[in-house]
Structure formats: structure tokens, C-alpha cells
Amino acid sequence: MKQEDVGFLETRWEQEPYCKVCGSGVFWQECEHCDEYGFTHHDCGEDTCCCRTPENNVVCDVCDGKHGWYVCPDCDRKDVKP
């Protein structure tokens, strides 16, 4: 589902996400292709990396670095990316 189709309902304790199309609750699907920060791998631009502690710095192209997306169980919309 697209990001603009997700709304947030202010409750007493927190904000609850919901689908603006059908009104049902949505859940967060974590991306399996990246780490918890939205990166997939390390690329320092060199053919042979000489970094002492290489850290992932390439943004995930599946979730655009968001580490996941919202899914509506009631809508039939099956977009791969948010």
C-alpha cells in the first residue's frame, strides 16, 4: 500500500495506523533485504575495500531505507514498495 493511504488515529496512549481506503487497521511489514537502519551493504567506492570497520552505507532499494512498509489485510492492493 502507498504511504499516502496510511492515516494515524490519535488514541489516548499512542497513534494507531489505519488504511484510509477501507478504514481497517494496518500492520508493519519489516523488509528482509536490509538491516534495521535501512541499509543493505557497504560500498566505499573502491575496488578493494581497505576500511578498518566497514559499516553498511547503501540504502535499500526495496523499502527506500525505511526498513519496511505498512500492509492492509483487507485491501487487495499489492504494491511491492510503499
PDB file of N, CA and C in Angstrom:
ATOM      1  N   MET A   1       0.834  -1.172   0.000  1.00  0.00           N
ATOM      2  CA  MET A   1       0.000   0.000   0.000  1.00  0.00           C
ATOM      3  C   MET A   1       0.875   1.230   0.000  1.00  0.00           C
ATOM      4  N   LYS A   2       0.372   2.295  -0.517  1.00  0.00           N
ATOM      5  CA  LYS A   2       1.149   3.517  -0.633  1.00  0.00           C
ATOM      6  C   LYS A   2       1.131   4.286   0.683  1.00  0.00           C
ATOM      7  N   GLN A   3       2.182   5.029   0.915  1.00  0.00           N
ATOM      8  CA  GLN A   3       2.328   5.764   2.168  1.00  0.00           C
ATOM      9  C   GLN A   3       1.192   6.770   2.367  1.00  0.00           C
ATOM     10  N   GLU A   4       0.706   7.372   1.289  1.00  0.00           N
ATOM     11  CA  GLU A   4      -0.375   8.352   1.439  1.00  0.00           C
ATOM     12  C   GLU A   4      -1.706   7.709   1.784  1.00  0.00           C
ATOM     13  N   ASP A   5      -1.814   6.378   1.678  1.00  0.00           N
ATOM     14  CA  ASP A   5      -3.035   5.675   2.063  1.00  0.00           C
ATOM     15  C   ASP A   5      -3.050   5.280   3.539  1.00  0.00           C
ATOM     16  N   VAL A   6      -2.014   5.626   4.276  1.00  0.00           N
ATOM     17  CA  VAL A   6      -1.933   5.305   5.700  1.00  0.00           C
ATOM     18  C   VAL A   6      -2.227   6.567   6.503  1.00  0.00           C
ATOM     19  N   GLY A   7      -3.200   6.445   7.394  1.00  0.00           N
ATOM     20  CA  GLY A   7      -3.515   7.540   8.297  1.00  0.00           C
ATOM     21  C   GLY A   7      -3.218   7.121   9.725  1.00  0.00           C
ATOM     22  N   PHE A   8      -3.175   8.071  10.622  1.00  0.00           N
ATOM     23  CA  PHE A   8      -2.891   7.773  12.024  1.00  0.00           C
ATOM     24  C   PHE A   8      -3.998   8.337  12.891  1.00  0.00           C
ATOM     25  N   LEU A   9      -4.584   7.475  13.676  1.00  0.00           N
ATOM     26  CA  LEU A   9      -5.653   7.838  14.593  1.00  0.00           C
ATOM     27  C   LEU A   9      -5.039   8.082  15.965  1.00  0.00           C
ATOM     28  N   GLU A  10      -5.252   9.257  16.504  1.00  0.00           N
ATOM     29  CA  GLU A  10      -4.709   9.609  17.817  1.00  0.00           C
ATOM     30  C   GLU A  10      -5.561   8.963  18.905  1.00  0.00           C
ATOM     31  N   THR A  11      -4.967   8.078  19.676  1.00  0.00           N
ATOM     32  CA  THR A  11      -5.667   7.456  20.792  1.00  0.00           C
ATOM     33  C   THR A  11      -5.126   8.022  22.094  1.00  0.00           C
ATOM     34  N   ARG A  12      -5.630   7.536  23.171  1.00  0.00           N
ATOM     35  CA  ARG A  12      -5.201   8.020  24.485  1.00  0.00           C
ATOM     36  C   ARG A  12      -3.736   7.676  24.765  1.00  0.00           C
ATOM     37  N   TRP A  13      -3.260   6.539  24.228  1.00  0.00           N
ATOM     38  CA  TRP A  13      -1.924   6.064  24.543  1.00  0.00           C
ATOM     39  C   TRP A  13      -0.916   6.288  23.433  1.00  0.00           C
ATOM     40  N   GLU A  14      -1.357   6.171  22.174  1.00  0.00           N
ATOM     41  CA  GLU A  14      -0.418   6.292  21.062  1.00  0.00           C
ATOM     42  C   GLU A  14      -1.179   6.554  19.764  1.00  0.00           C
ATOM     43  N   GLN A  15      -0.455   6.645  18.676  1.00  0.00           N
ATOM     44  CA  GLN A  15      -1.073   6.790  17.361  1.00  0.00           C
ATOM     45  C   GLN A  15      -1.237   5.413  16.733  1.00  0.00           C
ATOM     46  N   GLU A  16      -2.430   5.105  16.258  1.00  0.00           N
ATOM     47  CA  GLU A  16      -2.712   3.823  15.626  1.00  0.00           C
ATOM     48  C   GLU A  16      -2.808   4.025  14.114  1.00  0.00           C
ATOM     49  N   PRO A  17      -2.019   3.276  13.329  1.00  0.00           N
ATOM     50  CA  PRO A  17      -2.122   3.416  11.882  1.00  0.00           C
ATOM     51  C   PRO A  17      -3.363   2.707  11.345  1.00  0.00           C
ATOM     52  N   TYR A  18      -3.962   3.275  10.304  1.00  0.00           N
ATOM     53  CA  TYR A  18      -5.125   2.665   9.669  1.00  0.00           C
ATOM     54  C   TYR A  18      -5.092   2.950   8.171  1.00  0.00           C
ATOM     55  N   CYS A  19      -5.859   2.185   7.423  1.00  0.00           N
ATOM     56  CA  CYS A  19      -5.952   2.331   5.968  1.00  0.00           C
ATOM     57  C   CYS A  19      -7.006   3.382   5.646  1.00  0.00           C
ATOM     58  N   LYS A  20      -6.623   4.411   4.896  1.00  0.00           N
ATOM     59  CA  LYS A  20      -7.569   5.453   4.508  1.00  0.00           C
ATOM     60  C   LYS A  20      -8.540   4.970   3.441  1.00  0.00           C
ATOM     61  N   VAL A  21      -8.221   3.889   2.750  1.00  0.00           N
ATOM     62  CA  VAL A  21      -9.076   3.385   1.682  1.00  0.00           C
ATOM     63  C   VAL A  21     -10.267   2.627   2.250  1.00  0.00           C
ATOM     64  N   CYS A  22      -9.994   1.675   3.161  1.00  0.00           N
ATOM     65  CA  CYS A  22     -11.090   0.846   3.682  1.00  0.00           C
ATOM     66  C   CYS A  22     -11.364   1.064   5.165  1.00  0.00           C
ATOM     67  N   GLY A  23     -10.471   1.738   5.882  1.00  0.00           N
ATOM     68  CA  GLY A  23     -10.694   2.045   7.283  1.00  0.00           C
ATOM     69  C   GLY A  23     -10.218   1.006   8.275  1.00  0.00           C
ATOM     70  N   SER A  24      -9.668  -0.101   7.810  1.00  0.00           N
ATOM     71  CA  SER A  24      -9.214  -1.137   8.741  1.00  0.00           C
ATOM     72  C   SER A  24      -7.804  -0.844   9.247  1.00  0.00           C
ATOM     73  N   GLY A  25      -7.408  -1.555  10.281  1.00  0.00           N
ATOM     74  CA  GLY A  25      -6.082  -1.389  10.836  1.00  0.00           C
ATOM     75  C   GLY A  25      -5.034  -1.984   9.915  1.00  0.00           C
ATOM     76  N   VAL A  26      -3.848  -1.416   9.933  1.00  0.00           N
ATOM     77  CA  VAL A  26      -2.746  -1.913   9.118  1.00  0.00           C
ATOM     78  C   VAL A  26      -1.641  -2.394  10.037  1.00  0.00           C
ATOM     79  N   PHE A  27      -0.742  -3.202   9.499  1.00  0.00           N
ATOM     80  CA  PHE A  27       0.395  -3.662  10.288  1.00  0.00           C
ATOM     81  C   PHE A  27       1.685  -3.398   9.527  1.00  0.00           C
ATOM     82  N   TRP A  28       2.774  -3.343  10.272  1.00  0.00           N
ATOM     83  CA  TRP A  28       4.085  -3.030   9.721  1.00  0.00           C
ATOM     84  C   TRP A  28       4.763  -4.315   9.277  1.00  0.00           C
ATOM     85  N   GLN A  29       5.201  -4.360   8.019  1.00  0.00           N
ATOM     86  CA  GLN A  29       5.941  -5.495   7.467  1.00  0.00           C
ATOM     87  C   GLN A  29       7.396  -5.081   7.347  1.00  0.00           C
ATOM     88  N   GLU A  30       8.275  -5.755   8.063  1.00  0.00           N
ATOM     89  CA  GLU A  30       9.691  -5.417   8.005  1.00  0.00           C
ATOM     90  C   GLU A  30      10.309  -5.927   6.720  1.00  0.00           C
ATOM     91  N   CYS A  31      11.239  -5.165   6.191  1.00  0.00           N
ATOM     92  CA  CYS A  31      11.947  -5.531   4.970  1.00  0.00           C
ATOM     93  C   CYS A  31      12.997  -6.585   5.297  1.00  0.00           C
ATOM     94  N   GLU A  32      13.047  -7.632   4.508  1.00  0.00           N
ATOM     95  CA  GLU A  32      14.003  -8.722   4.725  1.00  0.00           C
ATOM     96  C   GLU A  32      15.326  -8.476   4.018  1.00  0.00           C
ATOM     97  N   HIS A  33      15.416  -7.398   3.239  1.00  0.00           N
ATOM     98  CA  HIS A  33      16.596  -7.166   2.417  1.00  0.00           C
ATOM     99  C   HIS A  33      17.605  -6.214   3.051  1.00  0.00           C
ATOM    100  N   CYS A  34      17.255  -5.583   4.173  1.00  0.00           N
ATOM    101  CA  CYS A  34      18.158  -4.600   4.764  1.00  0.00           C
ATOM    102  C   CYS A  34      18.257  -4.785   6.272  1.00  0.00           C
ATOM    103  N   ASP A  35      19.184  -4.037   6.870  1.00  0.00           N
ATOM    104  CA  ASP A  35      19.325  -4.080   8.320  1.00  0.00           C
ATOM    105  C   ASP A  35      18.310  -3.138   8.965  1.00  0.00           C
ATOM    106  N   GLU A  36      18.370  -2.993  10.273  1.00  0.00           N
ATOM    107  CA  GLU A  36      17.371  -2.190  10.980  1.00  0.00           C
ATOM    108  C   GLU A  36      17.470  -0.693  10.696  1.00  0.00           C
ATOM    109  N   TYR A  37      18.533  -0.274  10.017  1.00  0.00           N
ATOM    110  CA  TYR A  37      18.695   1.138   9.685  1.00  0.00           C
ATOM    111  C   TYR A  37      18.357   1.442   8.230  1.00  0.00           C
ATOM    112  N   GLY A  38      17.978   0.426   7.448  1.00  0.00           N
ATOM    113  CA  GLY A  38      17.587   0.631   6.060  1.00  0.00           C
ATOM    114  C   GLY A  38      18.721   0.519   5.055  1.00  0.00           C
ATOM    115  N   PHE A  39      19.856  -0.045   5.469  1.00  0.00           N
ATOM    116  CA  PHE A  39      20.993  -0.210   4.571  1.00  0.00           C
ATOM    117  C   PHE A  39      21.187  -1.686   4.219  1.00  0.00           C
ATOM    118  N   THR A  40      21.732  -1.935   3.006  1.00  0.00           N
ATOM    119  CA  THR A  40      21.911  -3.313   2.563  1.00  0.00           C
ATOM    120  C   THR A  40      23.348  -3.803   2.661  1.00  0.00           C
ATOM    121  N   HIS A  41      24.302  -2.978   2.282  1.00  0.00           N
ATOM    122  CA  HIS A  41      25.698  -3.414   2.301  1.00  0.00           C
ATOM    123  C   HIS A  41      26.623  -2.195   2.337  1.00  0.00           C
ATOM    124  N   HIS A  42      27.913  -2.479   2.388  1.00  0.00           N
ATOM    125  CA  HIS A  42      28.938  -1.437   2.455  1.00  0.00           C
ATOM    126  C   HIS A  42      29.523  -1.208   1.069  1.00  0.00           C
ATOM    127  N   ASP A  43      29.659   0.046   0.687  1.00  0.00           N
ATOM    128  CA  ASP A  43      30.299   0.396  -0.578  1.00  0.00           C
ATOM    129  C   ASP A  43      31.064   1.687  -0.374  1.00  0.00           C
ATOM    130  N   CYS A  44      32.386   1.574  -0.351  1.00  0.00           N
ATOM    131  CA  CYS A  44      33.201   2.769  -0.140  1.00  0.00           C
ATOM    132  C   CYS A  44      33.683   3.361  -1.455  1.00  0.00           C
ATOM    133  N   GLY A  45      33.338   2.735  -2.575  1.00  0.00           N
ATOM    134  CA  GLY A  45      33.713   3.270  -3.872  1.00  0.00           C
ATOM    135  C   GLY A  45      35.038   2.756  -4.395  1.00  0.00           C
ATOM    136  N   GLU A  46      35.699   1.915  -3.658  1.00  0.00           N
ATOM    137  CA  GLU A  46      36.985   1.356  -4.075  1.00  0.00           C
ATOM    138  C   GLU A  46      36.795  -0.074  -4.550  1.00  0.00           C
ATOM    139  N   ASP A  47      37.700  -0.539  -5.433  1.00  0.00           N
ATOM    140  CA  ASP A  47      37.636  -1.924  -5.890  1.00  0.00           C
ATOM    141  C   ASP A  47      37.940  -2.897  -4.758  1.00  0.00           C
ATOM    142  N   THR A  48      38.932  -2.567  -3.967  1.00  0.00           N
ATOM    143  CA  THR A  48      39.254  -3.379  -2.793  1.00  0.00           C
ATOM    144  C   THR A  48      39.095  -2.493  -1.571  1.00  0.00           C
ATOM    145  N   CYS A  49      38.182  -2.861  -0.704  1.00  0.00           N
ATOM    146  CA  CYS A  49      37.869  -2.050   0.463  1.00  0.00           C
ATOM    147  C   CYS A  49      38.996  -2.151   1.490  1.00  0.00           C
ATOM    148  N   CYS A  50      39.467  -1.016   1.946  1.00  0.00           N
ATOM    149  CA  CYS A  50      40.508  -1.001   2.972  1.00  0.00           C
ATOM    150  C   CYS A  50      39.990  -0.364   4.258  1.00  0.00           C
ATOM    151  N   CYS A  51      38.699  -0.285   4.397  1.00  0.00           N
ATOM    152  CA  CYS A  51      38.106   0.284   5.610  1.00  0.00           C
ATOM    153  C   CYS A  51      38.356  -0.648   6.789  1.00  0.00           C
ATOM    154  N   ARG A  52      38.753  -0.094   7.909  1.00  0.00           N
ATOM    155  CA  ARG A  52      39.003  -0.923   9.099  1.00  0.00           C
ATOM    156  C   ARG A  52      37.719  -1.519   9.655  1.00  0.00           C
ATOM    157  N   THR A  53      36.703  -0.712   9.753  1.00  0.00           N
ATOM    158  CA  THR A  53      35.409  -1.194  10.245  1.00  0.00           C
ATOM    159  C   THR A  53      34.331  -0.790   9.244  1.00  0.00           C
ATOM    160  N   PRO A  54      34.156  -1.593   8.199  1.00  0.00           N
ATOM    161  CA  PRO A  54      33.147  -1.228   7.203  1.00  0.00           C
ATOM    162  C   PRO A  54      31.729  -1.319   7.765  1.00  0.00           C
ATOM    163  N   GLU A  55      30.971  -0.271   7.582  1.00  0.00           N
ATOM    164  CA  GLU A  55      29.578  -0.231   8.010  1.00  0.00           C
ATOM    165  C   GLU A  55      28.695  -0.113   6.779  1.00  0.00           C
ATOM    166  N   ASN A  56      27.527  -0.706   6.859  1.00  0.00           N
ATOM    167  CA  ASN A  56      26.593  -0.623   5.746  1.00  0.00           C
ATOM    168  C   ASN A  56      26.254   0.833   5.467  1.00  0.00           C
ATOM    169  N   ASN A  57      26.309   1.222   4.178  1.00  0.00           N
ATOM    170  CA  ASN A  57      26.023   2.611   3.826  1.00  0.00           C
ATOM    171  C   ASN A  57      25.217   2.746   2.537  1.00  0.00           C
ATOM    172  N   VAL A  58      24.749   1.640   1.971  1.00  0.00           N
ATOM    173  CA  VAL A  58      23.949   1.678   0.750  1.00  0.00           C
ATOM    174  C   VAL A  58      22.474   1.508   1.128  1.00  0.00           C
ATOM    175  N   VAL A  59      21.655   2.483   0.752  1.00  0.00           N
ATOM    176  CA  VAL A  59      20.233   2.477   1.100  1.00  0.00           C
ATOM    177  C   VAL A  59      19.516   1.355   0.343  1.00  0.00           C
ATOM    178  N   CYS A  60      18.647   0.654   1.039  1.00  0.00           N
ATOM    179  CA  CYS A  60      17.895  -0.463   0.464  1.00  0.00           C
ATOM    180  C   CYS A  60      16.993   0.036  -0.660  1.00  0.00           C
ATOM    181  N   ASP A  61      17.030  -0.644  -1.804  1.00  0.00           N
ATOM    182  CA  ASP A  61      16.195  -0.232  -2.934  1.00  0.00           C
ATOM    183  C   ASP A  61      14.805  -0.867  -2.893  1.00  0.00           C
ATOM    184  N   VAL A  62      14.568  -1.805  -1.987  1.00  0.00           N
ATOM    185  CA  VAL A  62      13.246  -2.416  -1.858  1.00  0.00           C
ATOM    186  C   VAL A  62      12.323  -1.537  -1.026  1.00  0.00           C
ATOM    187  N   CYS A  63      12.813  -1.045   0.107  1.00  0.00           N
ATOM    188  CA  CYS A  63      11.976  -0.238   1.009  1.00  0.00           C
ATOM    189  C   CYS A  63      12.387   1.234   1.054  1.00  0.00           C
ATOM    190  N   ASP A  64      13.344   1.627   0.236  1.00  0.00           N
ATOM    191  CA  ASP A  64      13.863   3.002   0.208  1.00  0.00           C
ATOM    192  C   ASP A  64      14.436   3.435   1.548  1.00  0.00           C
ATOM    193  N   GLY A  65      15.014   2.502   2.285  1.00  0.00           N
ATOM    194  CA  GLY A  65      15.666   2.819   3.546  1.00  0.00           C
ATOM    195  C   GLY A  65      14.736   2.982   4.729  1.00  0.00           C
ATOM    196  N   LYS A  66      13.477   2.575   4.600  1.00  0.00           N
ATOM    197  CA  LYS A  66      12.505   2.734   5.687  1.00  0.00           C
ATOM    198  C   LYS A  66      12.392   1.480   6.548  1.00  0.00           C
ATOM    199  N   HIS A  67      13.096   0.426   6.195  1.00  0.00           N
ATOM    200  CA  HIS A  67      13.123  -0.864   6.897  1.00  0.00           C
ATOM    201  C   HIS A  67      11.756  -1.550   6.924  1.00  0.00           C
ATOM    202  N   GLY A  68      10.877  -1.186   6.002  1.00  0.00           N
ATOM    203  CA  GLY A  68       9.596  -1.854   5.919  1.00  0.00           C
ATOM    204  C   GLY A  68       8.518  -0.978   5.343  1.00  0.00           C
ATOM    205  N   TRP A  69       7.281  -1.462   5.418  1.00  0.00           N
ATOM    206  CA  TRP A  69       6.140  -0.729   4.895  1.00  0.00           C
ATOM    207  C   TRP A  69       4.878  -1.236   5.574  1.00  0.00           C
ATOM    208  N   TYR A  70       3.824  -0.451   5.467  1.00  0.00           N
ATOM    209  CA  TYR A  70       2.536  -0.834   6.050  1.00  0.00           C
ATOM    210  C   TYR A  70       1.769  -1.729   5.075  1.00  0.00           C
ATOM    211  N   VAL A  71       1.040  -2.702   5.628  1.00  0.00           N
ATOM    212  CA  VAL A  71       0.240  -3.629   4.835  1.00  0.00           C
ATOM    213  C   VAL A  71      -1.183  -3.618   5.389  1.00  0.00           C
ATOM    214  N   CYS A  72      -2.155  -3.493   4.494  1.00  0.00           N
ATOM    215  CA  CYS A  72      -3.565  -3.564   4.872  1.00  0.00           C
ATOM    216  C   CYS A  72      -4.070  -4.966   4.562  1.00  0.00           C
ATOM    217  N   PRO A  73      -4.545  -5.710   5.562  1.00  0.00           N
ATOM    218  CA  PRO A  73      -5.006  -7.080   5.312  1.00  0.00           C
ATOM    219  C   PRO A  73      -6.338  -7.136   4.570  1.00  0.00           C
ATOM    220  N   ASP A  74      -7.094  -6.047   4.510  1.00  0.00           N
ATOM    221  CA  ASP A  74      -8.410  -6.072   3.878  1.00  0.00           C
ATOM    222  C   ASP A  74      -8.425  -5.589   2.435  1.00  0.00           C
ATOM    223  N   CYS A  75      -7.510  -4.743   2.058  1.00  0.00           N
ATOM    224  CA  CYS A  75      -7.467  -4.236   0.687  1.00  0.00           C
ATOM    225  C   CYS A  75      -6.748  -5.240  -0.215  1.00  0.00           C
ATOM    226  N   ASP A  76      -7.088  -5.230  -1.461  1.00  0.00           N
ATOM    227  CA  ASP A  76      -6.436  -6.117  -2.422  1.00  0.00           C
ATOM    228  C   ASP A  76      -5.257  -5.448  -3.102  1.00  0.00           C
ATOM    229  N   ARG A  77      -4.812  -4.325  -2.579  1.00  0.00           N
ATOM    230  CA  ARG A  77      -3.684  -3.611  -3.176  1.00  0.00           C
ATOM    231  C   ARG A  77      -2.406  -4.323  -2.804  1.00  0.00           C
ATOM    232  N   LYS A  78      -1.643  -4.702  -3.779  1.00  0.00           N
ATOM    233  CA  LYS A  78      -0.427  -5.471  -3.540  1.00  0.00           C
ATOM    234  C   LYS A  78       0.773  -4.777  -4.175  1.00  0.00           C
ATOM    235  N   ASP A  79       1.042  -3.553  -3.757  1.00  0.00           N
ATOM    236  CA  ASP A  79       2.220  -2.840  -4.232  1.00  0.00           C
ATOM    237  C   ASP A  79       3.437  -3.430  -3.560  1.00  0.00           C
ATOM    238  N   VAL A  80       4.527  -3.561  -4.305  1.00  0.00           N
ATOM    239  CA  VAL A  80       5.754  -4.111  -3.740  1.00  0.00           C
ATOM    240  C   VAL A  80       6.415  -3.090  -2.833  1.00  0.00           C
ATOM    241  N   LYS A  81       6.458  -1.846  -3.285  1.00  0.00           N
ATOM    242  CA  LYS A  81       7.073  -0.793  -2.498  1.00  0.00           C
ATOM    243  C   LYS A  81       6.021   0.172  -1.981  1.00  0.00           C
ATOM    244  N   PRO A  82       6.260   0.775  -0.823  1.00  0.00           N
ATOM    245  CA  PRO A  82       5.318   1.773  -0.298  1.00  0.00           C
ATOM    246  C   PRO A  82       5.300   3.031  -1.133  1.00  0.00           C
TER     247      PRO A  82
END
